Amino acid sequence: MERNVSVVETAEILGKSPQFVRIGLQRGLLPFGIAIQMSGGKYTYHISRKQLEEYIGKVETA
C-alpha cells in the first residue's frame, strides 16, 4: 500500500517551505495532493507519493 507523504517531507523534496506546500494544496495549484478544511477551520492534507514523484520527474518506466 502506498504511504502518504508528509507536508514537511514534500517541502524538503521540492526545496520549498512547508507553508508553500500547504498553500499550494489549499488553492489547488499543486497536482500531487489535496487539502481538506475540517470543522474548526484547520486543514488536513493527503499527498500521493506516486503523483509527487511524477511531478518531480522521478518516474520509473516498465
Foldseek 3Di string as FASTA:
>chain_A
DFDWDDLCRLCVVVVHHSVVSVVCQDVVNQDFWHWDQDPVGDIDITGTPQSSCVVVVNDDDD
